[in-house]
Amino acid sequence: MAVKAAVTAGDVCVLKRCQQHGGQDLKEKKGTKRKAEEAPEGDESPLKVCSIRRMTRLPQEEVDSILAEEMDDDRLPPEYKALKRLNPDLIPSPEEEMDEDVVSFYDVVRFFYEIGEDFREFQAWVRTEYAKNGYVEVDDDYLRHQQEMEAMNEAARKEALKAFDFSDLLDF
């Protein structure tokens, strides 16, 4: 948070040397001098940022898949669309807040719409990067997040399939 505030403030401050990459000098980054002076020293410093980020090029198939995906609100359940039509902000009224199920439903619907909006923003970024460079590079955080999501989906799929008996399908 402090780094973001320092960077968006507009002044320039010199960041510490990157110990991980041989102590090389880091580029000057925009930030406030006051933030740099107030920042804690050592490993706790939010201004200790490494300018070298490992980037990985996304496979063309994944780029194509991202760009081809349509996040269409028409694919949402009709109950979600009806609630959004009646209450575009998806914030329960004081009367509705008394019912935990209704509040939970609002949370789920709001979550689905936020996912769609986040994906549309990501898709626009991918489209821009692809148009500019002819490829898309992502950092390790994106790859780690993708692996975590795939693992969660696989675990949920296995858990859901436990409820089904497939033994009669194996008789051949």
Foldseek 3Di string as FASTA:
>chain_A
DLVVQFQVVFAWDFAFFAVVPPRDGDDIGGGDPVSVVPADDDPRGPRNDDPDFDKDWDDPVVLVVLLPDDLDPVPDDPVLVVCCVVPVVLDDDPVQVVDPVSNVVSVVSVVSVVVSVVSVVVNVVSVVCCVVPVTDIDTPVVVVVVVVVVVVVVVVVVVVCVVDDCVVVPDD
